């Protein structure tokens, strides 16, 4: 699977981010102000050959460029995105990181209850994944060792990962008071020892597991009309609140004849009767207000 680059505006109009769908560097973030400082990054050196490039930033899953005012982003951003994408997919090192051990940033993890009594949210002080990942069983975890190891605990029923948190759903055989500290310390210890959570999609020996997050978000660029509007509304108004509770909501489909919207609930939202009804009613009201006479009902499906 090749890396795809998308451009993202920042609060500083002189800086544009070029986001990848995989981590680019393992440990540190880098900032280069000229071609001499960029001696450890061929990509940054190439970018400095462009006369409008002032500063190059490389961190996590993005390259950011600060420009001089001699050009407008609209005139160059497409070519820049293609240049960065081609370099990343050439399997060259983005940055040659120093062989010495990088300075370790202490990993902290705290447990947070969710509206679903069967799900606990474990929040880390670092980004874990770049897209939601849902695991219904250990069979889904071949590319994610942490999820696989969590299923070794007999009380773990399902695992959901997104951004900087992991939601764990348990069987009734155990109480949170007895297992929360054990899970929290296990996750913290694993994150401290491992830089990567998901095996790199750029690895030639690794094929992406199709079972990982089989119900991934439908990209708005593949949608049209009312479906696209609904997906954008969910992204902007609903997902942030749902994520704060350790869950996710995925737009599945819209039926023009019945005006029914189907959404998939993941993480803490999945299998929680109260959150299912609250979300269904809340989303239904929101969509009816924003898209009057276009939505009749919302059907919530547990992921």
C-alpha atoms as a PDB file:
ATOM      1  CA  UNK A   1       0.000   0.000   0.000  1.00  0.00           C
ATOM      2  CA  UNK A   2       1.582   3.316  -1.033  1.00  0.00           C
ATOM      3  CA  UNK A   3       1.563   6.405   1.082  1.00  0.00           C
ATOM      4  CA  UNK A   4      -0.934   9.084   0.083  1.00  0.00           C
ATOM      5  CA  UNK A   5      -0.292  12.756   0.850  1.00  0.00           C
ATOM      6  CA  UNK A   6      -2.978  15.321   1.577  1.00  0.00           C
ATOM      7  CA  UNK A   7      -2.455  19.035   2.164  1.00  0.00           C
ATOM      8  CA  UNK A   8      -3.713  20.601   5.392  1.00  0.00           C
ATOM      9  CA  UNK A   9      -3.840  24.312   6.155  1.00  0.00           C
ATOM     10  CA  UNK A  10      -2.481  25.569   9.492  1.00  0.00           C
ATOM     11  CA  UNK A  11      -3.192  28.629  11.630  1.00  0.00           C
ATOM     12  CA  UNK A  12      -0.059  30.203  10.124  1.00  0.00           C
ATOM     13  CA  UNK A  13      -0.747  31.106   6.495  1.00  0.00           C
ATOM     14  CA  UNK A  14       2.931  30.744   5.626  1.00  0.00           C
ATOM     15  CA  UNK A  15       2.990  27.091   6.746  1.00  0.00           C
ATOM     16  CA  UNK A  16       1.316  24.181   4.960  1.00  0.00           C
ATOM     17  CA  UNK A  17       1.254  20.588   6.205  1.00  0.00           C
ATOM     18  CA  UNK A  18       1.565  17.568   3.935  1.00  0.00           C
ATOM     19  CA  UNK A  19       0.060  14.638   5.865  1.00  0.00           C
ATOM     20  CA  UNK A  20       0.851  10.986   5.146  1.00  0.00           C
ATOM     21  CA  UNK A  21      -1.215   7.931   6.073  1.00  0.00           C
ATOM     22  CA  UNK A  22       1.736   6.355   7.896  1.00  0.00           C
ATOM     23  CA  UNK A  23       4.305   7.469  10.456  1.00  0.00           C
ATOM     24  CA  UNK A  24       7.373   8.966   8.771  1.00  0.00           C
ATOM     25  CA  UNK A  25       9.801   9.108  11.712  1.00  0.00           C
ATOM     26  CA  UNK A  26       9.944   6.874  14.753  1.00  0.00           C
ATOM     27  CA  UNK A  27      11.186   9.002  17.610  1.00  0.00           C
ATOM     28  CA  UNK A  28      11.926  12.688  17.139  1.00  0.00           C
ATOM     29  CA  UNK A  29      10.582  15.742  15.368  1.00  0.00           C
ATOM     30  CA  UNK A  30      12.904  17.737  13.129  1.00  0.00           C
ATOM     31  CA  UNK A  31      13.167  21.380  12.107  1.00  0.00           C
ATOM     32  CA  UNK A  32      15.535  22.521   9.349  1.00  0.00           C
ATOM     33  CA  UNK A  33      16.201  26.162   8.470  1.00  0.00           C
ATOM     34  CA  UNK A  34      18.626  25.667   5.572  1.00  0.00           C
ATOM     35  CA  UNK A  35      20.186  22.990   3.387  1.00  0.00           C
ATOM     36  CA  UNK A  36      23.226  22.615   5.673  1.00  0.00           C
ATOM     37  CA  UNK A  37      21.069  21.820   8.690  1.00  0.00           C
ATOM     38  CA  UNK A  38      19.235  19.263   6.521  1.00  0.00           C
ATOM     39  CA  UNK A  39      22.295  17.051   5.932  1.00  0.00           C
ATOM     40  CA  UNK A  40      20.522  14.070   7.551  1.00  0.00           C
ATOM     41  CA  UNK A  41      17.431  14.371   5.340  1.00  0.00           C
ATOM     42  CA  UNK A  42      17.635  14.021   1.566  1.00  0.00           C
ATOM     43  CA  UNK A  43      13.960  15.000   1.332  1.00  0.00           C
ATOM     44  CA  UNK A  44      14.524  18.258   3.209  1.00  0.00           C
ATOM     45  CA  UNK A  45      17.607  18.977   1.079  1.00  0.00           C
ATOM     46  CA  UNK A  46      15.536  18.540  -2.084  1.00  0.00           C
ATOM     47  CA  UNK A  47      12.879  20.897  -0.753  1.00  0.00           C
ATOM     48  CA  UNK A  48      15.476  23.595   0.025  1.00  0.00           C
ATOM     49  CA  UNK A  49      16.405  23.665  -3.655  1.00  0.00           C
ATOM     50  CA  UNK A  50      13.048  25.386  -4.145  1.00  0.00           C
ATOM     51  CA  UNK A  51      13.643  29.147  -3.721  1.00  0.00           C
ATOM     52  CA  UNK A  52      10.440  29.774  -1.745  1.00  0.00           C
ATOM     53  CA  UNK A  53      11.136  27.188   1.003  1.00  0.00           C
ATOM     54  CA  UNK A  54      12.092  28.897   4.275  1.00  0.00           C
ATOM     55  CA  UNK A  55      11.759  26.093   6.869  1.00  0.00           C
ATOM     56  CA  UNK A  56      11.070  22.351   6.710  1.00  0.00           C
ATOM     57  CA  UNK A  57       9.468  20.464   9.601  1.00  0.00           C
ATOM     58  CA  UNK A  58       9.275  16.653   9.739  1.00  0.00           C
ATOM     59  CA  UNK A  59       7.298  15.011  12.535  1.00  0.00           C
ATOM     60  CA  UNK A  60       5.160  11.937  13.116  1.00  0.00           C
ATOM     61  CA  UNK A  61       3.035  11.596   9.984  1.00  0.00           C
ATOM     62  CA  UNK A  62       3.629  14.908   8.234  1.00  0.00           C
ATOM     63  CA  UNK A  63       6.058  17.222   6.498  1.00  0.00           C
ATOM     64  CA  UNK A  64       5.359  20.925   6.993  1.00  0.00           C
ATOM     65  CA  UNK A  65       6.859  23.708   4.922  1.00  0.00           C
ATOM     66  CA  UNK A  66       7.121  27.381   5.757  1.00  0.00           C
ATOM     67  CA  UNK A  67       7.423  29.552   2.648  1.00  0.00           C
ATOM     68  CA  UNK A  68       8.684  32.986   1.753  1.00  0.00           C
ATOM     69  CA  UNK A  69       6.034  35.339   0.402  1.00  0.00           C
ATOM     70  CA  UNK A  70       7.283  35.220  -3.178  1.00  0.00           C
ATOM     71  CA  UNK A  71       4.629  32.656  -4.147  1.00  0.00           C
ATOM     72  CA  UNK A  72       1.098  31.566  -3.189  1.00  0.00           C
ATOM     73  CA  UNK A  73       0.396  28.034  -1.937  1.00  0.00           C
ATOM     74  CA  UNK A  74      -2.252  27.518  -4.628  1.00  0.00           C
ATOM     75  CA  UNK A  75       0.452  27.757  -7.279  1.00  0.00           C
ATOM     76  CA  UNK A  76       2.791  25.099  -5.850  1.00  0.00           C
ATOM     77  CA  UNK A  77       1.031  22.868  -3.323  1.00  0.00           C
ATOM     78  CA  UNK A  78      -0.031  20.163  -5.790  1.00  0.00           C
ATOM     79  CA  UNK A  79       3.488  19.739  -7.173  1.00  0.00           C
ATOM     80  CA  UNK A  80       4.925  19.745  -3.647  1.00  0.00           C
ATOM     81  CA  UNK A  81       2.480  17.065  -2.525  1.00  0.00           C
ATOM     82  CA  UNK A  82       3.449  14.881  -5.487  1.00  0.00           C
ATOM     83  CA  UNK A  83       7.174  15.413  -4.862  1.00  0.00           C
ATOM     84  CA  UNK A  84       6.873  14.497  -1.180  1.00  0.00           C
ATOM     85  CA  UNK A  85       4.626  11.518  -1.943  1.00  0.00           C
ATOM     86  CA  UNK A  86       7.026  10.165  -4.577  1.00  0.00           C
ATOM     87  CA  UNK A  87       9.977  10.486  -2.206  1.00  0.00           C
ATOM     88  CA  UNK A  88       8.211   8.742   0.679  1.00  0.00           C
ATOM     89  CA  UNK A  89       7.117   5.883  -1.579  1.00  0.00           C
ATOM     90  CA  UNK A  90      10.664   5.436  -2.923  1.00  0.00           C
ATOM     91  CA  UNK A  91      11.588   3.689   0.375  1.00  0.00           C
ATOM     92  CA  UNK A  92      14.399   6.144   1.079  1.00  0.00           C
ATOM     93  CA  UNK A  93      14.936   7.261   4.661  1.00  0.00           C
ATOM     94  CA  UNK A  94      12.989  10.414   5.431  1.00  0.00           C
ATOM     95  CA  UNK A  95      15.559  11.354   8.056  1.00  0.00           C
ATOM     96  CA  UNK A  96      18.668   9.429   9.115  1.00  0.00           C
ATOM     97  CA  UNK A  97      18.042   9.343  12.842  1.00  0.00           C
ATOM     98  CA  UNK A  98      21.092   9.220  15.081  1.00  0.00           C
ATOM     99  CA  UNK A  99      22.221   5.807  16.246  1.00  0.00           C
ATOM    100  CA  UNK A 100      22.382   6.862  19.877  1.00  0.00           C
ATOM    101  CA  UNK A 101      19.320   6.287  21.982  1.00  0.00           C
ATOM    102  CA  UNK A 102      16.868   9.140  21.575  1.00  0.00           C
ATOM    103  CA  UNK A 103      15.830  11.069  24.635  1.00  0.00           C
ATOM    104  CA  UNK A 104      12.977   9.123  26.160  1.00  0.00           C
ATOM    105  CA  UNK A 105       9.787  10.980  26.854  1.00  0.00           C
ATOM    106  CA  UNK A 106       7.999   9.351  29.811  1.00  0.00           C
ATOM    107  CA  UNK A 107       4.789   7.655  28.745  1.00  0.00           C
ATOM    108  CA  UNK A 108       1.745   8.275  30.860  1.00  0.00           C
ATOM    109  CA  UNK A 109      -1.568   6.445  30.609  1.00  0.00           C
ATOM    110  CA  UNK A 110      -4.704   7.183  32.568  1.00  0.00           C
ATOM    111  CA  UNK A 111      -7.974   5.292  32.716  1.00  0.00           C
ATOM    112  CA  UNK A 112     -11.268   7.028  32.014  1.00  0.00           C
ATOM    113  CA  UNK A 113     -14.752   5.579  32.379  1.00  0.00           C
ATOM    114  CA  UNK A 114     -17.166   5.739  29.433  1.00  0.00           C
ATOM    115  CA  UNK A 115     -20.979   5.752  29.105  1.00  0.00           C
ATOM    116  CA  UNK A 116     -20.685   2.033  28.365  1.00  0.00           C
ATOM    117  CA  UNK A 117     -20.151   0.192  31.694  1.00  0.00           C
ATOM    118  CA  UNK A 118     -18.376  -2.620  29.834  1.00  0.00           C
ATOM    119  CA  UNK A 119     -15.767  -0.306  28.267  1.00  0.00           C
ATOM    120  CA  UNK A 120     -12.838   1.554  29.815  1.00  0.00           C
ATOM    121  CA  UNK A 121     -10.835   4.169  27.914  1.00  0.00           C
ATOM    122  CA  UNK A 122      -7.045   4.277  28.380  1.00  0.00           C
ATOM    123  CA  UNK A 123      -5.586   7.614  27.280  1.00  0.00           C
ATOM    124  CA  UNK A 124      -1.867   8.090  26.481  1.00  0.00           C
ATOM    125  CA  UNK A 125       0.214  11.268  26.186  1.00  0.00           C
ATOM    126  CA  UNK A 126       1.322  10.334  22.647  1.00  0.00           C
ATOM    127  CA  UNK A 127      -0.290   9.660  19.288  1.00  0.00           C
ATOM    128  CA  UNK A 128      -0.843   5.916  18.864  1.00  0.00           C
ATOM    129  CA  UNK A 129      -2.521   5.454  15.478  1.00  0.00           C
ATOM    130  CA  UNK A 130      -3.447   7.583  12.488  1.00  0.00           C
ATOM    131  CA  UNK A 131      -6.882   6.077  11.880  1.00  0.00           C
ATOM    132  CA  UNK A 132      -9.456   4.177  13.952  1.00  0.00           C
ATOM    133  CA  UNK A 133      -8.748   0.461  14.401  1.00  0.00           C
ATOM    134  CA  UNK A 134     -11.340  -1.966  15.755  1.00  0.00           C
ATOM    135  CA  UNK A 135     -10.588  -5.547  16.799  1.00  0.00           C
ATOM    136  CA  UNK A 136     -13.451  -7.944  17.465  1.00  0.00           C
ATOM    137  CA  UNK A 137     -11.173 -10.907  18.200  1.00  0.00           C
ATOM    138  CA  UNK A 138      -7.523 -11.910  18.321  1.00  0.00           C
ATOM    139  CA  UNK A 139      -7.824 -13.090  14.703  1.00  0.00           C
ATOM    140  CA  UNK A 140      -7.950  -9.423  13.603  1.00  0.00           C
ATOM    141  CA  UNK A 141      -4.691  -8.415  15.283  1.00  0.00           C
ATOM    142  CA  UNK A 142      -1.848  -9.807  13.160  1.00  0.00           C
ATOM    143  CA  UNK A 143      -0.514  -6.303  12.343  1.00  0.00           C
ATOM    144  CA  UNK A 144      -1.002  -4.825  15.837  1.00  0.00           C
ATOM    145  CA  UNK A 145       0.917  -6.643  18.548  1.00  0.00           C
ATOM    146  CA  UNK A 146      -0.439  -4.507  21.386  1.00  0.00           C
ATOM    147  CA  UNK A 147      -4.025  -5.452  20.514  1.00  0.00           C
ATOM    148  CA  UNK A 148      -2.980  -9.085  20.199  1.00  0.00           C
ATOM    149  CA  UNK A 149      -1.401  -9.051  23.653  1.00  0.00           C
ATOM    150  CA  UNK A 150      -4.458  -7.406  25.188  1.00  0.00           C
ATOM    151  CA  UNK A 151      -6.561 -10.350  23.994  1.00  0.00           C
ATOM    152  CA  UNK A 152      -4.297 -12.614  26.069  1.00  0.00           C
ATOM    153  CA  UNK A 153      -6.116 -11.261  29.112  1.00  0.00           C
ATOM    154  CA  UNK A 154      -9.108 -13.631  29.428  1.00  0.00           C
ATOM    155  CA  UNK A 155     -11.481 -10.811  30.392  1.00  0.00           C
ATOM    156  CA  UNK A 156     -10.827  -8.713  27.241  1.00  0.00           C
ATOM    157  CA  UNK A 157     -13.679  -8.995  24.738  1.00  0.00           C
ATOM    158  CA  UNK A 158     -12.913  -6.248  22.162  1.00  0.00           C
ATOM    159  CA  UNK A 159     -10.278  -3.553  21.564  1.00  0.00           C
ATOM    160  CA  UNK A 160     -10.650  -0.197  19.807  1.00  0.00           C
ATOM    161  CA  UNK A 161      -7.826   2.288  19.075  1.00  0.00           C
ATOM    162  CA  UNK A 162      -8.015   5.885  17.877  1.00  0.00           C
ATOM    163  CA  UNK A 163      -5.650   8.861  18.029  1.00  0.00           C
ATOM    164  CA  UNK A 164      -4.172   8.716  21.564  1.00  0.00           C
ATOM    165  CA  UNK A 165      -6.482   6.247  23.316  1.00  0.00           C
ATOM    166  CA  UNK A 166      -7.406   2.579  23.545  1.00  0.00           C
ATOM    167  CA  UNK A 167     -10.907   1.442  24.522  1.00  0.00           C
ATOM    168  CA  UNK A 168     -11.116  -2.018  26.041  1.00  0.00           C
ATOM    169  CA  UNK A 169     -14.412  -3.888  26.314  1.00  0.00           C
ATOM    170  CA  UNK A 170     -14.542  -6.612  28.971  1.00  0.00           C
ATOM    171  CA  UNK A 171     -16.556  -9.721  29.663  1.00  0.00           C
ATOM    172  CA  UNK A 172     -18.754  -9.772  32.773  1.00  0.00           C
ATOM    173  CA  UNK A 173     -16.358 -12.237  34.446  1.00  0.00           C
ATOM    174  CA  UNK A 174     -14.261  -9.334  35.800  1.00  0.00           C
ATOM    175  CA  UNK A 175     -14.902  -5.998  37.524  1.00  0.00           C
ATOM    176  CA  UNK A 176     -13.100  -2.814  36.491  1.00  0.00           C
ATOM    177  CA  UNK A 177     -11.943  -2.233  40.074  1.00  0.00           C
ATOM    178  CA  UNK A 178      -9.949  -5.461  39.861  1.00  0.00           C
ATOM    179  CA  UNK A 179      -8.419  -5.098  36.388  1.00  0.00           C
ATOM    180  CA  UNK A 180      -8.082  -1.401  35.502  1.00  0.00           C
ATOM    181  CA  UNK A 181      -4.674  -0.884  37.138  1.00  0.00           C
ATOM    182  CA  UNK A 182      -3.338  -4.083  35.570  1.00  0.00           C
ATOM    183  CA  UNK A 183      -4.436  -3.008  32.066  1.00  0.00           C
ATOM    184  CA  UNK A 184      -3.241   0.566  32.516  1.00  0.00           C
ATOM    185  CA  UNK A 185       0.245  -0.515  33.595  1.00  0.00           C
ATOM    186  CA  UNK A 186       0.470  -3.127  30.823  1.00  0.00           C
ATOM    187  CA  UNK A 187      -0.431  -0.549  28.151  1.00  0.00           C
ATOM    188  CA  UNK A 188       1.945   2.054  29.620  1.00  0.00           C
ATOM    189  CA  UNK A 189       4.835  -0.427  29.759  1.00  0.00           C
ATOM    190  CA  UNK A 190       4.224  -1.571  26.175  1.00  0.00           C
ATOM    191  CA  UNK A 191       4.098   1.980  24.807  1.00  0.00           C
ATOM    192  CA  UNK A 192       7.295   2.889  26.628  1.00  0.00           C
ATOM    193  CA  UNK A 193       9.191   0.009  25.005  1.00  0.00           C
ATOM    194  CA  UNK A 194       7.704   0.166  21.496  1.00  0.00           C
ATOM    195  CA  UNK A 195       7.899   3.129  19.112  1.00  0.00           C
ATOM    196  CA  UNK A 196       5.373   1.716  16.639  1.00  0.00           C
ATOM    197  CA  UNK A 197       1.921   0.339  17.392  1.00  0.00           C
ATOM    198  CA  UNK A 198       0.984  -0.732  13.864  1.00  0.00           C
ATOM    199  CA  UNK A 199       3.426  -2.457  11.531  1.00  0.00           C
ATOM    200  CA  UNK A 200       4.480  -0.002   8.842  1.00  0.00           C
ATOM    201  CA  UNK A 201       2.393  -0.163   5.686  1.00  0.00           C
ATOM    202  CA  UNK A 202       5.629   0.548   3.793  1.00  0.00           C
ATOM    203  CA  UNK A 203       7.226  -2.726   4.894  1.00  0.00           C
ATOM    204  CA  UNK A 204       7.708  -4.989   1.903  1.00  0.00           C
ATOM    205  CA  UNK A 205       7.163  -8.029   4.080  1.00  0.00           C
ATOM    206  CA  UNK A 206       3.888  -6.869   5.541  1.00  0.00           C
ATOM    207  CA  UNK A 207       0.541  -6.866   3.808  1.00  0.00           C
ATOM    208  CA  UNK A 208      -2.159  -4.795   5.499  1.00  0.00           C
ATOM    209  CA  UNK A 209      -4.594  -6.991   7.386  1.00  0.00           C
ATOM    210  CA  UNK A 210      -8.012  -6.589   5.782  1.00  0.00           C
ATOM    211  CA  UNK A 211      -9.621  -7.470   9.109  1.00  0.00           C
ATOM    212  CA  UNK A 212      -8.172  -4.366  10.733  1.00  0.00           C
ATOM    213  CA  UNK A 213     -10.954  -1.827  11.067  1.00  0.00           C
ATOM    214  CA  UNK A 214     -13.067  -3.383   8.347  1.00  0.00           C
ATOM    215  CA  UNK A 215     -15.671  -0.732   9.035  1.00  0.00           C
ATOM    216  CA  UNK A 216     -13.406   2.237   8.364  1.00  0.00           C
ATOM    217  CA  UNK A 217     -14.680   5.696   7.623  1.00  0.00           C
ATOM    218  CA  UNK A 218     -16.155   6.242   4.185  1.00  0.00           C
ATOM    219  CA  UNK A 219     -14.090   9.030   2.679  1.00  0.00           C
ATOM    220  CA  UNK A 220     -16.151  12.048   1.725  1.00  0.00           C
ATOM    221  CA  UNK A 221     -14.386  12.306  -1.625  1.00  0.00           C
ATOM    222  CA  UNK A 222     -16.113   9.063  -2.692  1.00  0.00           C
ATOM    223  CA  UNK A 223     -19.549  10.385  -1.695  1.00  0.00           C
ATOM    224  CA  UNK A 224     -21.928  12.730  -3.432  1.00  0.00           C
ATOM    225  CA  UNK A 225     -25.033  14.779  -2.684  1.00  0.00           C
ATOM    226  CA  UNK A 226     -26.865  14.149   0.593  1.00  0.00           C
ATOM    227  CA  UNK A 227     -24.519  11.288   1.536  1.00  0.00           C
ATOM    228  CA  UNK A 228     -21.528  13.617   1.397  1.00  0.00           C
ATOM    229  CA  UNK A 229     -23.315  16.281   3.442  1.00  0.00           C
ATOM    230  CA  UNK A 230     -24.285  13.739   6.106  1.00  0.00           C
ATOM    231  CA  UNK A 231     -20.734  12.386   6.326  1.00  0.00           C
ATOM    232  CA  UNK A 232     -19.327  15.914   6.707  1.00  0.00           C
ATOM    233  CA  UNK A 233     -21.878  16.760   9.423  1.00  0.00           C
ATOM    234  CA  UNK A 234     -20.926  13.639  11.381  1.00  0.00           C
ATOM    235  CA  UNK A 235     -17.211  14.460  11.035  1.00  0.00           C
ATOM    236  CA  UNK A 236     -17.630  18.036  12.259  1.00  0.00           C
ATOM    237  CA  UNK A 237     -20.351  17.852  14.889  1.00  0.00           C
ATOM    238  CA  UNK A 238     -20.616  14.287  16.183  1.00  0.00           C
ATOM    239  CA  UNK A 239     -17.258  12.527  16.024  1.00  0.00           C
ATOM    240  CA  UNK A 240     -15.353  14.818  18.430  1.00  0.00           C
ATOM    241  CA  UNK A 241     -17.924  14.261  21.179  1.00  0.00           C
ATOM    242  CA  UNK A 242     -18.086  10.529  20.536  1.00  0.00           C
ATOM    243  CA  UNK A 243     -14.280  10.220  20.584  1.00  0.00           C
ATOM    244  CA  UNK A 244     -14.150  11.907  23.983  1.00  0.00           C
ATOM    245  CA  UNK A 245     -16.237   8.992  25.280  1.00  0.00           C
ATOM    246  CA  UNK A 246     -13.894   6.398  23.757  1.00  0.00           C
ATOM    247  CA  UNK A 247     -15.962   5.589  20.695  1.00  0.00           C
ATOM    248  CA  UNK A 248     -16.465   6.343  17.030  1.00  0.00           C
ATOM    249  CA  UNK A 249     -19.301   6.749  14.564  1.00  0.00           C
ATOM    250  CA  UNK A 250     -18.987   5.764  10.910  1.00  0.00           C
ATOM    251  CA  UNK A 251     -21.354   6.806   8.134  1.00  0.00           C
ATOM    252  CA  UNK A 252     -22.456   3.665   6.270  1.00  0.00           C
ATOM    253  CA  UNK A 253     -25.213   4.636   3.829  1.00  0.00           C
ATOM    254  CA  UNK A 254     -28.143   6.864   2.948  1.00  0.00           C
ATOM    255  CA  UNK A 255     -31.309   5.576   1.270  1.00  0.00           C
ATOM    256  CA  UNK A 256     -32.875   8.273  -0.890  1.00  0.00           C
ATOM    257  CA  UNK A 257     -36.217   6.465  -1.061  1.00  0.00           C
ATOM    258  CA  UNK A 258     -36.740   5.960   2.673  1.00  0.00           C
ATOM    259  CA  UNK A 259     -34.456   8.840   3.732  1.00  0.00           C
ATOM    260  CA  UNK A 260     -32.875   6.500   6.280  1.00  0.00           C
ATOM    261  CA  UNK A 261     -29.306   7.115   7.431  1.00  0.00           C
ATOM    262  CA  UNK A 262     -27.308   4.083   8.569  1.00  0.00           C
ATOM    263  CA  UNK A 263     -24.353   4.640  10.905  1.00  0.00           C
ATOM    264  CA  UNK A 264     -21.978   2.198  12.598  1.00  0.00           C
ATOM    265  CA  UNK A 265     -21.057   2.603  16.264  1.00  0.00           C
ATOM    266  CA  UNK A 266     -17.568   1.525  17.336  1.00  0.00           C
ATOM    267  CA  UNK A 267     -15.528   1.389  20.522  1.00  0.00           C
ATOM    268  CA  UNK A 268     -17.356   2.395  23.682  1.00  0.00           C
ATOM    269  CA  UNK A 269     -20.490   3.238  21.675  1.00  0.00           C
ATOM    270  CA  UNK A 270     -20.844  -0.306  20.338  1.00  0.00           C
ATOM    271  CA  UNK A 271     -23.111  -2.531  22.387  1.00  0.00           C
ATOM    272  CA  UNK A 272     -24.144   0.219  24.800  1.00  0.00           C
ATOM    273  CA  UNK A 273     -27.972   0.476  24.827  1.00  0.00           C
ATOM    274  CA  UNK A 274     -28.073   3.937  26.433  1.00  0.00           C
ATOM    275  CA  UNK A 275     -25.480   5.470  24.113  1.00  0.00           C
ATOM    276  CA  UNK A 276     -27.113   3.810  21.101  1.00  0.00           C
ATOM    277  CA  UNK A 277     -30.437   5.491  21.838  1.00  0.00           C
ATOM    278  CA  UNK A 278     -28.854   8.814  22.851  1.00  0.00           C
ATOM    279  CA  UNK A 279     -26.694   8.906  19.721  1.00  0.00           C
ATOM    280  CA  UNK A 280     -29.498   7.780  17.442  1.00  0.00           C
ATOM    281  CA  UNK A 281     -31.883  10.416  18.760  1.00  0.00           C
ATOM    282  CA  UNK A 282     -29.224  13.139  18.927  1.00  0.00           C
ATOM    283  CA  UNK A 283     -27.922  12.512  15.417  1.00  0.00           C
ATOM    284  CA  UNK A 284     -31.441  12.222  14.063  1.00  0.00           C
ATOM    285  CA  UNK A 285     -32.378  15.612  15.513  1.00  0.00           C
ATOM    286  CA  UNK A 286     -29.160  17.213  14.283  1.00  0.00           C
ATOM    287  CA  UNK A 287     -29.495  15.893  10.739  1.00  0.00           C
ATOM    288  CA  UNK A 288     -33.169  16.854  10.524  1.00  0.00           C
ATOM    289  CA  UNK A 289     -32.305  20.388  11.646  1.00  0.00           C
ATOM    290  CA  UNK A 290     -29.435  20.839   9.182  1.00  0.00           C
ATOM    291  CA  UNK A 291     -31.021  18.881   6.311  1.00  0.00           C
ATOM    292  CA  UNK A 292     -34.762  19.522   6.642  1.00  0.00           C
ATOM    293  CA  UNK A 293     -37.018  17.070   4.794  1.00  0.00           C
ATOM    294  CA  UNK A 294     -33.990  15.036   3.712  1.00  0.00           C
ATOM    295  CA  UNK A 295     -33.687  12.687   6.715  1.00  0.00           C
ATOM    296  CA  UNK A 296     -36.470  10.533   8.098  1.00  0.00           C
ATOM    297  CA  UNK A 297     -34.602   8.339  10.581  1.00  0.00           C
ATOM    298  CA  UNK A 298     -31.152   7.234  11.727  1.00  0.00           C
ATOM    299  CA  UNK A 299     -30.443   3.537  12.115  1.00  0.00           C
ATOM    300  CA  UNK A 300     -27.540   2.825  14.473  1.00  0.00           C
ATOM    301  CA  UNK A 301     -25.663  -0.445  13.995  1.00  0.00           C
ATOM    302  CA  UNK A 302     -23.207  -1.822  16.532  1.00  0.00           C
ATOM    303  CA  UNK A 303     -19.804  -2.397  14.952  1.00  0.00           C
END
